[in-house]
N, C-alpha and C. Protein backbone atom coordinates (compact mmCIF):
# COMPACT_ATOMS: atom_id res chain seq x y z
N UNK A 1 98.19 -125.85 -88.92
CA UNK A 1 97.92 -125.26 -90.22
C UNK A 1 96.47 -125.53 -90.60
N UNK A 2 95.82 -124.51 -91.12
CA UNK A 2 94.43 -124.58 -91.56
C UNK A 2 94.36 -125.38 -92.86
N UNK A 3 93.56 -126.45 -92.87
CA UNK A 3 93.46 -127.32 -94.05
C UNK A 3 92.26 -126.99 -94.93
N UNK A 4 91.52 -125.93 -94.63
CA UNK A 4 90.38 -125.59 -95.47
C UNK A 4 90.86 -125.08 -96.83
N UNK A 5 90.05 -125.29 -97.82
CA UNK A 5 90.40 -124.82 -99.16
C UNK A 5 90.22 -123.31 -99.21
N UNK A 6 91.26 -122.64 -99.65
CA UNK A 6 91.24 -121.18 -99.74
C UNK A 6 90.88 -120.76 -101.16
N UNK A 7 90.26 -119.61 -101.24
CA UNK A 7 89.92 -119.05 -102.54
C UNK A 7 91.05 -118.14 -102.99
N UNK A 8 91.51 -118.38 -104.21
CA UNK A 8 92.52 -117.53 -104.84
C UNK A 8 91.85 -116.93 -106.07
N UNK A 9 91.84 -115.61 -106.12
CA UNK A 9 91.22 -114.89 -107.22
C UNK A 9 92.31 -114.29 -108.09
N UNK A 10 92.20 -114.52 -109.40
CA UNK A 10 93.18 -113.97 -110.33
C UNK A 10 92.50 -113.02 -111.29
N UNK A 11 93.03 -111.80 -111.38
CA UNK A 11 92.53 -110.81 -112.33
C UNK A 11 93.52 -110.74 -113.48
N UNK A 12 93.12 -111.29 -114.62
CA UNK A 12 94.00 -111.34 -115.79
C UNK A 12 93.13 -111.55 -117.01
N UNK A 13 93.36 -110.77 -118.04
CA UNK A 13 92.54 -110.88 -119.25
C UNK A 13 93.10 -111.87 -120.26
N UNK A 14 94.27 -112.44 -120.00
CA UNK A 14 94.91 -113.36 -120.94
C UNK A 14 94.48 -114.80 -120.62
N UNK A 15 93.68 -115.38 -121.51
CA UNK A 15 93.17 -116.73 -121.28
C UNK A 15 94.29 -117.77 -121.24
N UNK A 16 95.35 -117.56 -121.99
CA UNK A 16 96.48 -118.50 -121.95
C UNK A 16 97.13 -118.48 -120.57
N UNK A 17 97.30 -117.29 -120.01
CA UNK A 17 97.89 -117.18 -118.67
C UNK A 17 97.01 -117.84 -117.62
N UNK A 18 95.71 -117.61 -117.70
CA UNK A 18 94.82 -118.22 -116.69
C UNK A 18 94.81 -119.74 -116.83
N UNK A 19 94.87 -120.25 -118.06
CA UNK A 19 94.93 -121.70 -118.27
C UNK A 19 96.21 -122.27 -117.66
N UNK A 20 97.34 -121.60 -117.90
CA UNK A 20 98.61 -122.07 -117.35
C UNK A 20 98.62 -122.01 -115.83
N UNK A 21 98.03 -120.98 -115.26
CA UNK A 21 97.96 -120.88 -113.80
C UNK A 21 97.10 -122.02 -113.22
N UNK A 22 96.01 -122.35 -113.89
CA UNK A 22 95.19 -123.48 -113.43
C UNK A 22 96.01 -124.77 -113.43
N UNK A 23 96.71 -125.01 -114.51
CA UNK A 23 97.53 -126.23 -114.61
C UNK A 23 98.65 -126.21 -113.57
N UNK A 24 99.28 -125.07 -113.40
CA UNK A 24 100.39 -124.98 -112.45
C UNK A 24 99.91 -125.17 -111.01
N UNK A 25 98.78 -124.59 -110.65
CA UNK A 25 98.25 -124.80 -109.30
C UNK A 25 97.93 -126.27 -109.08
N UNK A 26 97.40 -126.94 -110.09
CA UNK A 26 97.13 -128.37 -109.97
C UNK A 26 98.42 -129.13 -109.68
N UNK A 27 99.51 -128.71 -110.31
CA UNK A 27 100.81 -129.35 -110.08
C UNK A 27 101.33 -129.13 -108.66
N UNK A 28 101.01 -127.98 -108.06
CA UNK A 28 101.53 -127.68 -106.72
C UNK A 28 100.89 -128.57 -105.66
N UNK A 29 99.66 -128.99 -105.89
CA UNK A 29 98.95 -129.78 -104.88
C UNK A 29 98.38 -128.95 -103.75
N UNK A 30 98.52 -127.64 -103.83
CA UNK A 30 97.97 -126.76 -102.79
C UNK A 30 96.45 -126.73 -102.98
N UNK A 31 95.70 -127.03 -101.92
CA UNK A 31 94.24 -127.05 -102.06
C UNK A 31 93.64 -125.64 -102.12
N UNK A 32 93.44 -125.16 -103.34
CA UNK A 32 92.83 -123.85 -103.54
C UNK A 32 91.67 -123.97 -104.50
N UNK A 33 90.75 -123.05 -104.36
CA UNK A 33 89.70 -122.88 -105.35
C UNK A 33 90.07 -121.65 -106.16
N UNK A 34 90.42 -121.85 -107.41
CA UNK A 34 90.81 -120.74 -108.27
C UNK A 34 89.58 -120.11 -108.89
N UNK A 35 89.56 -118.80 -108.85
CA UNK A 35 88.52 -118.03 -109.53
C UNK A 35 89.21 -116.98 -110.37
N UNK A 36 88.55 -116.59 -111.47
CA UNK A 36 89.17 -115.66 -112.40
C UNK A 36 88.21 -114.54 -112.76
N UNK A 37 88.75 -113.35 -112.89
CA UNK A 37 88.02 -112.21 -113.44
C UNK A 37 88.91 -111.60 -114.52
N UNK A 38 88.30 -111.07 -115.61
CA UNK A 38 89.10 -110.63 -116.75
C UNK A 38 89.52 -109.16 -116.75
N UNK A 39 89.20 -108.44 -115.67
CA UNK A 39 89.53 -107.00 -115.69
C UNK A 39 89.61 -106.45 -114.28
N UNK A 40 90.22 -105.27 -114.19
CA UNK A 40 90.25 -104.58 -112.91
C UNK A 40 88.85 -104.22 -112.43
N UNK A 41 88.00 -103.85 -113.37
CA UNK A 41 86.61 -103.52 -113.01
C UNK A 41 85.89 -104.73 -112.41
N UNK A 42 86.05 -105.89 -113.03
CA UNK A 42 85.43 -107.10 -112.49
C UNK A 42 86.03 -107.46 -111.13
N UNK A 43 87.32 -107.26 -110.96
CA UNK A 43 87.95 -107.52 -109.67
C UNK A 43 87.32 -106.65 -108.59
N UNK A 44 87.16 -105.37 -108.87
CA UNK A 44 86.55 -104.46 -107.89
C UNK A 44 85.10 -104.85 -107.63
N UNK A 45 84.37 -105.19 -108.67
CA UNK A 45 82.98 -105.61 -108.48
C UNK A 45 82.90 -106.86 -107.62
N UNK A 46 83.81 -107.80 -107.85
CA UNK A 46 83.84 -109.02 -107.03
C UNK A 46 84.12 -108.67 -105.57
N UNK A 47 85.17 -107.91 -105.33
CA UNK A 47 85.55 -107.60 -103.94
C UNK A 47 84.54 -106.72 -103.23
N UNK A 48 83.93 -105.78 -103.96
CA UNK A 48 82.96 -104.87 -103.35
C UNK A 48 81.53 -105.37 -103.47
N UNK A 49 81.38 -106.57 -104.04
CA UNK A 49 80.08 -107.24 -104.15
C UNK A 49 79.05 -106.39 -104.90
N UNK A 50 79.42 -106.06 -106.11
CA UNK A 50 78.55 -105.27 -106.98
C UNK A 50 78.10 -106.11 -108.17
N UNK A 51 76.96 -105.75 -108.73
CA UNK A 51 76.47 -106.40 -109.94
C UNK A 51 76.31 -107.89 -109.76
N UNK A 52 76.84 -108.66 -110.70
CA UNK A 52 76.66 -110.12 -110.67
C UNK A 52 77.42 -110.78 -109.51
N UNK A 53 78.28 -110.04 -108.83
CA UNK A 53 79.06 -110.57 -107.71
C UNK A 53 78.46 -110.23 -106.35
N UNK A 54 77.21 -109.83 -106.33
CA UNK A 54 76.58 -109.30 -105.12
C UNK A 54 76.44 -110.32 -103.98
N UNK A 55 76.20 -111.57 -104.31
CA UNK A 55 75.88 -112.59 -103.31
C UNK A 55 77.17 -113.11 -102.64
N UNK A 56 77.38 -112.81 -101.35
CA UNK A 56 78.61 -113.25 -100.68
C UNK A 56 78.70 -114.77 -100.53
N UNK A 57 77.58 -115.47 -100.58
CA UNK A 57 77.66 -116.93 -100.49
C UNK A 57 78.18 -117.53 -101.78
N UNK A 58 77.98 -116.85 -102.90
CA UNK A 58 78.50 -117.32 -104.18
C UNK A 58 79.88 -116.75 -104.49
N UNK A 59 80.15 -115.56 -103.95
CA UNK A 59 81.39 -114.86 -104.24
C UNK A 59 82.06 -114.40 -102.95
N UNK A 60 82.51 -115.35 -102.13
CA UNK A 60 83.16 -114.96 -100.86
C UNK A 60 84.50 -114.28 -101.14
N UNK A 61 84.93 -113.49 -100.20
CA UNK A 61 86.21 -112.82 -100.37
C UNK A 61 87.32 -113.85 -100.49
N UNK A 62 88.28 -113.59 -101.36
CA UNK A 62 89.40 -114.51 -101.52
C UNK A 62 90.41 -114.35 -100.39
N UNK A 63 91.22 -115.37 -100.23
CA UNK A 63 92.33 -115.30 -99.27
C UNK A 63 93.55 -114.66 -99.91
N UNK A 64 93.57 -114.62 -101.24
CA UNK A 64 94.71 -114.10 -101.97
C UNK A 64 94.26 -113.68 -103.36
N UNK A 65 94.82 -112.56 -103.85
CA UNK A 65 94.53 -112.08 -105.20
C UNK A 65 95.83 -111.98 -105.98
N UNK A 66 95.82 -112.54 -107.19
CA UNK A 66 96.89 -112.31 -108.16
C UNK A 66 96.37 -111.29 -109.15
N UNK A 67 97.13 -110.22 -109.35
CA UNK A 67 96.67 -109.09 -110.14
C UNK A 67 97.63 -108.77 -111.27
N UNK A 68 97.14 -108.89 -112.51
CA UNK A 68 97.91 -108.46 -113.67
C UNK A 68 97.79 -106.94 -113.78
N UNK A 69 98.82 -106.29 -114.24
CA UNK A 69 98.78 -104.84 -114.37
C UNK A 69 98.12 -104.38 -115.66
N UNK A 70 98.34 -105.12 -116.73
CA UNK A 70 97.92 -104.67 -118.05
C UNK A 70 96.66 -105.38 -118.49
N UNK A 71 95.54 -104.71 -118.25
CA UNK A 71 94.24 -105.23 -118.66
C UNK A 71 93.47 -104.08 -119.31
N UNK A 72 92.55 -104.42 -120.20
CA UNK A 72 91.77 -103.35 -120.83
C UNK A 72 90.84 -102.68 -119.82
N UNK A 73 90.47 -101.44 -120.12
CA UNK A 73 89.60 -100.72 -119.19
C UNK A 73 90.37 -100.36 -117.94
N UNK A 74 89.78 -100.65 -116.80
CA UNK A 74 90.45 -100.36 -115.53
C UNK A 74 91.55 -101.39 -115.32
N UNK A 75 92.76 -100.94 -115.31
CA UNK A 75 93.90 -101.83 -115.20
C UNK A 75 94.29 -102.12 -113.76
N UNK A 76 95.41 -102.80 -113.63
CA UNK A 76 95.87 -103.24 -112.33
C UNK A 76 96.22 -102.13 -111.36
N UNK A 77 96.86 -101.07 -111.87
CA UNK A 77 97.22 -99.97 -110.97
C UNK A 77 96.00 -99.34 -110.32
N UNK A 78 94.99 -99.07 -111.15
CA UNK A 78 93.77 -98.42 -110.64
C UNK A 78 93.04 -99.33 -109.66
N UNK A 79 92.95 -100.61 -110.01
CA UNK A 79 92.28 -101.56 -109.12
C UNK A 79 93.03 -101.67 -107.80
N UNK A 80 94.36 -101.78 -107.86
CA UNK A 80 95.17 -101.88 -106.65
C UNK A 80 94.98 -100.67 -105.75
N UNK A 81 94.99 -99.48 -106.33
CA UNK A 81 94.81 -98.26 -105.54
C UNK A 81 93.45 -98.25 -104.85
N UNK A 82 92.40 -98.64 -105.55
CA UNK A 82 91.06 -98.65 -104.95
C UNK A 82 90.93 -99.70 -103.86
N UNK A 83 91.52 -100.86 -104.07
CA UNK A 83 91.45 -101.92 -103.06
C UNK A 83 92.17 -101.49 -101.79
N UNK A 84 93.36 -100.99 -101.93
CA UNK A 84 94.16 -100.65 -100.74
C UNK A 84 93.67 -99.38 -100.05
N UNK A 85 92.81 -98.62 -100.71
CA UNK A 85 92.23 -97.42 -100.08
C UNK A 85 90.95 -97.73 -99.31
N UNK A 86 90.42 -98.92 -99.45
CA UNK A 86 89.14 -99.26 -98.83
C UNK A 86 89.34 -100.18 -97.62
N UNK A 87 88.90 -99.76 -96.44
CA UNK A 87 89.14 -100.56 -95.23
C UNK A 87 88.45 -101.92 -95.23
N UNK A 88 87.45 -102.12 -96.06
CA UNK A 88 86.75 -103.41 -96.05
C UNK A 88 87.50 -104.50 -96.79
N UNK A 89 88.42 -104.14 -97.68
CA UNK A 89 89.14 -105.15 -98.47
C UNK A 89 90.65 -104.95 -98.50
N UNK A 90 91.16 -103.89 -97.89
CA UNK A 90 92.58 -103.57 -98.02
C UNK A 90 93.51 -104.62 -97.42
N UNK A 91 93.00 -105.47 -96.53
CA UNK A 91 93.85 -106.47 -95.91
C UNK A 91 93.95 -107.77 -96.70
N UNK A 92 93.23 -107.88 -97.80
CA UNK A 92 93.38 -109.05 -98.66
C UNK A 92 94.73 -108.93 -99.35
N UNK A 93 95.59 -109.93 -99.22
CA UNK A 93 96.90 -109.83 -99.88
C UNK A 93 96.77 -109.77 -101.40
N UNK A 94 97.48 -108.82 -101.97
CA UNK A 94 97.49 -108.63 -103.42
C UNK A 94 98.91 -108.91 -103.92
N UNK A 95 99.03 -109.91 -104.77
CA UNK A 95 100.29 -110.23 -105.42
C UNK A 95 100.18 -109.74 -106.85
N UNK A 96 100.95 -108.73 -107.19
CA UNK A 96 100.99 -108.27 -108.57
C UNK A 96 101.73 -109.35 -109.35
N UNK A 97 101.09 -109.81 -110.42
CA UNK A 97 101.60 -110.92 -111.22
C UNK A 97 101.58 -110.46 -112.67
N UNK A 98 102.74 -110.04 -113.16
CA UNK A 98 102.78 -109.34 -114.44
C UNK A 98 104.06 -109.65 -115.21
N UNK A 99 104.09 -109.23 -116.46
CA UNK A 99 105.28 -109.46 -117.28
C UNK A 99 106.36 -108.40 -117.07
N UNK A 100 106.02 -107.30 -116.45
CA UNK A 100 106.96 -106.19 -116.32
C UNK A 100 107.95 -106.40 -115.19
N UNK A 101 109.24 -106.21 -115.52
CA UNK A 101 110.27 -106.20 -114.48
C UNK A 101 110.85 -104.79 -114.34
N UNK A 102 110.13 -103.81 -114.87
CA UNK A 102 110.54 -102.42 -114.82
C UNK A 102 110.54 -101.92 -113.38
N UNK A 103 111.65 -101.31 -112.96
CA UNK A 103 111.77 -100.84 -111.59
C UNK A 103 110.69 -99.83 -111.21
N UNK A 104 110.30 -98.98 -112.14
CA UNK A 104 109.27 -97.98 -111.85
C UNK A 104 107.92 -98.65 -111.60
N UNK A 105 107.61 -99.71 -112.37
CA UNK A 105 106.36 -100.45 -112.15
C UNK A 105 106.38 -101.10 -110.77
N UNK A 106 107.49 -101.72 -110.43
CA UNK A 106 107.61 -102.38 -109.13
C UNK A 106 107.44 -101.38 -108.01
N UNK A 107 108.15 -100.27 -108.11
CA UNK A 107 108.08 -99.22 -107.07
C UNK A 107 106.66 -98.68 -106.93
N UNK A 108 106.02 -98.41 -108.07
CA UNK A 108 104.66 -97.87 -108.04
C UNK A 108 103.69 -98.85 -107.36
N UNK A 109 103.82 -100.11 -107.67
CA UNK A 109 102.92 -101.10 -107.08
C UNK A 109 103.09 -101.18 -105.56
N UNK A 110 104.32 -101.18 -105.10
CA UNK A 110 104.53 -101.20 -103.65
C UNK A 110 104.04 -99.90 -103.01
N UNK A 111 104.21 -98.78 -103.68
CA UNK A 111 103.70 -97.51 -103.14
C UNK A 111 102.18 -97.53 -103.04
N UNK A 112 101.53 -98.24 -103.96
CA UNK A 112 100.06 -98.34 -103.93
C UNK A 112 99.57 -99.38 -102.92
N UNK A 113 100.48 -100.17 -102.37
CA UNK A 113 100.09 -101.10 -101.32
C UNK A 113 100.16 -102.57 -101.68
N UNK A 114 100.76 -102.92 -102.82
CA UNK A 114 100.89 -104.33 -103.17
C UNK A 114 101.65 -105.07 -102.07
N UNK A 115 101.25 -106.31 -101.83
CA UNK A 115 101.91 -107.12 -100.82
C UNK A 115 103.12 -107.86 -101.39
N UNK A 116 103.09 -108.17 -102.67
CA UNK A 116 104.20 -108.83 -103.36
C UNK A 116 104.15 -108.44 -104.83
N UNK A 117 105.28 -108.63 -105.48
CA UNK A 117 105.38 -108.35 -106.91
C UNK A 117 106.12 -109.52 -107.54
N UNK A 118 105.47 -110.22 -108.46
CA UNK A 118 106.05 -111.39 -109.10
C UNK A 118 106.02 -111.19 -110.62
N UNK A 119 107.16 -111.37 -111.25
CA UNK A 119 107.23 -111.32 -112.71
C UNK A 119 106.85 -112.70 -113.24
N UNK A 120 105.94 -112.71 -114.21
CA UNK A 120 105.49 -113.98 -114.79
C UNK A 120 106.69 -114.74 -115.35
N UNK A 121 106.85 -115.98 -114.93
CA UNK A 121 107.97 -116.78 -115.43
C UNK A 121 107.81 -117.10 -116.92
N UNK A 122 108.91 -117.45 -117.55
CA UNK A 122 108.88 -117.72 -118.98
C UNK A 122 108.78 -119.21 -119.32
N UNK A 123 108.65 -120.08 -118.30
CA UNK A 123 108.42 -121.49 -118.58
C UNK A 123 107.54 -122.11 -117.50
N UNK A 124 106.94 -123.23 -117.84
CA UNK A 124 105.94 -123.83 -116.97
C UNK A 124 106.53 -124.30 -115.64
N UNK A 125 107.70 -124.91 -115.66
CA UNK A 125 108.32 -125.38 -114.42
C UNK A 125 108.56 -124.22 -113.45
N UNK A 126 109.05 -123.12 -113.98
CA UNK A 126 109.28 -121.94 -113.14
C UNK A 126 107.96 -121.39 -112.62
N UNK A 127 106.90 -121.45 -113.43
CA UNK A 127 105.58 -120.99 -112.99
C UNK A 127 105.09 -121.82 -111.81
N UNK A 128 105.24 -123.14 -111.90
CA UNK A 128 104.83 -124.02 -110.79
C UNK A 128 105.61 -123.64 -109.53
N UNK A 129 106.91 -123.43 -109.65
CA UNK A 129 107.73 -123.06 -108.50
C UNK A 129 107.29 -121.73 -107.89
N UNK A 130 107.06 -120.74 -108.75
CA UNK A 130 106.65 -119.42 -108.26
C UNK A 130 105.30 -119.49 -107.56
N UNK A 131 104.34 -120.15 -108.17
CA UNK A 131 103.02 -120.25 -107.54
C UNK A 131 103.07 -121.06 -106.26
N UNK A 132 103.85 -122.12 -106.24
CA UNK A 132 103.99 -122.94 -105.05
C UNK A 132 104.55 -122.11 -103.89
N UNK A 133 105.62 -121.40 -104.16
CA UNK A 133 106.26 -120.59 -103.12
C UNK A 133 105.34 -119.45 -102.66
N UNK A 134 104.78 -118.73 -103.62
CA UNK A 134 103.95 -117.57 -103.29
C UNK A 134 102.68 -117.99 -102.55
N UNK A 135 102.00 -118.99 -103.07
CA UNK A 135 100.75 -119.43 -102.44
C UNK A 135 101.00 -120.02 -101.06
N UNK A 136 102.03 -120.82 -100.91
CA UNK A 136 102.32 -121.38 -99.58
C UNK A 136 102.61 -120.28 -98.58
N UNK A 137 103.38 -119.29 -99.01
CA UNK A 137 103.68 -118.18 -98.10
C UNK A 137 102.40 -117.48 -97.65
N UNK A 138 101.59 -117.03 -98.60
CA UNK A 138 100.42 -116.24 -98.26
C UNK A 138 99.27 -117.05 -97.69
N UNK A 139 99.15 -118.30 -98.07
CA UNK A 139 98.00 -119.10 -97.61
C UNK A 139 98.30 -119.98 -96.41
N UNK A 140 99.57 -120.31 -96.19
CA UNK A 140 99.90 -121.23 -95.11
C UNK A 140 100.72 -120.60 -93.99
N UNK A 141 101.48 -119.55 -94.28
CA UNK A 141 102.40 -119.00 -93.29
C UNK A 141 102.00 -117.65 -92.73
N UNK A 142 101.14 -116.93 -93.41
CA UNK A 142 100.75 -115.59 -92.98
C UNK A 142 99.36 -115.65 -92.38
N UNK A 143 99.21 -115.04 -91.21
CA UNK A 143 97.90 -114.96 -90.58
C UNK A 143 97.20 -113.70 -91.09
N UNK A 144 96.09 -113.87 -91.79
CA UNK A 144 95.41 -112.70 -92.37
C UNK A 144 94.64 -111.90 -91.32
N UNK A 145 94.48 -110.64 -91.62
CA UNK A 145 93.59 -109.79 -90.85
C UNK A 145 92.28 -109.77 -91.60
N UNK A 146 91.25 -110.29 -90.99
CA UNK A 146 89.97 -110.40 -91.68
C UNK A 146 89.01 -109.33 -91.20
N UNK A 147 88.42 -108.66 -92.15
CA UNK A 147 87.40 -107.68 -91.84
C UNK A 147 86.43 -107.67 -92.99
N UNK A 148 85.23 -108.12 -92.72
CA UNK A 148 84.20 -108.14 -93.74
C UNK A 148 82.91 -107.62 -93.10
N UNK A 149 82.60 -106.34 -93.30
CA UNK A 149 81.41 -105.77 -92.65
C UNK A 149 80.12 -106.39 -93.13
N UNK A 150 80.14 -107.06 -94.27
CA UNK A 150 78.93 -107.70 -94.78
C UNK A 150 78.74 -109.11 -94.25
N UNK A 151 79.79 -109.64 -93.61
CA UNK A 151 79.73 -110.99 -93.05
C UNK A 151 79.18 -110.90 -91.64
N UNK A 152 78.01 -111.43 -91.43
CA UNK A 152 77.35 -111.35 -90.12
C UNK A 152 77.47 -112.65 -89.32
N UNK A 153 78.36 -113.58 -89.76
CA UNK A 153 78.47 -114.84 -89.04
C UNK A 153 79.33 -114.72 -87.81
């Protein structure tokens, strides 16, 4: 098992949710570097290295993305569609992490290429369990397909 610290990027505009995710990840003990962006637009800029996210040494591609669906401006659906349509980033696992348990939302996300769909738990203990299970699966058990045309190493 690879013991290097993995980058987990979360796109969510709710500061309370991001705070709880930080606390919950600390509880799991999984060695990750959490990074946050507040919108789908910022997520795309980070992944495509645009604007303030241009420097790959400061903003390396994450090993896993948690994506909220409901954000102002460019939301989760639009961001997911653009990510999965681009060969340079489509292999980064995207876990939709949202409050919706609506079957149509779930179906749409999988049709757009989401790798997992997780409904935000309603208590902290359940959040720790969900993040522990999800992160361990994607960061410790799945071998990623890496393709970064900007990475010349």
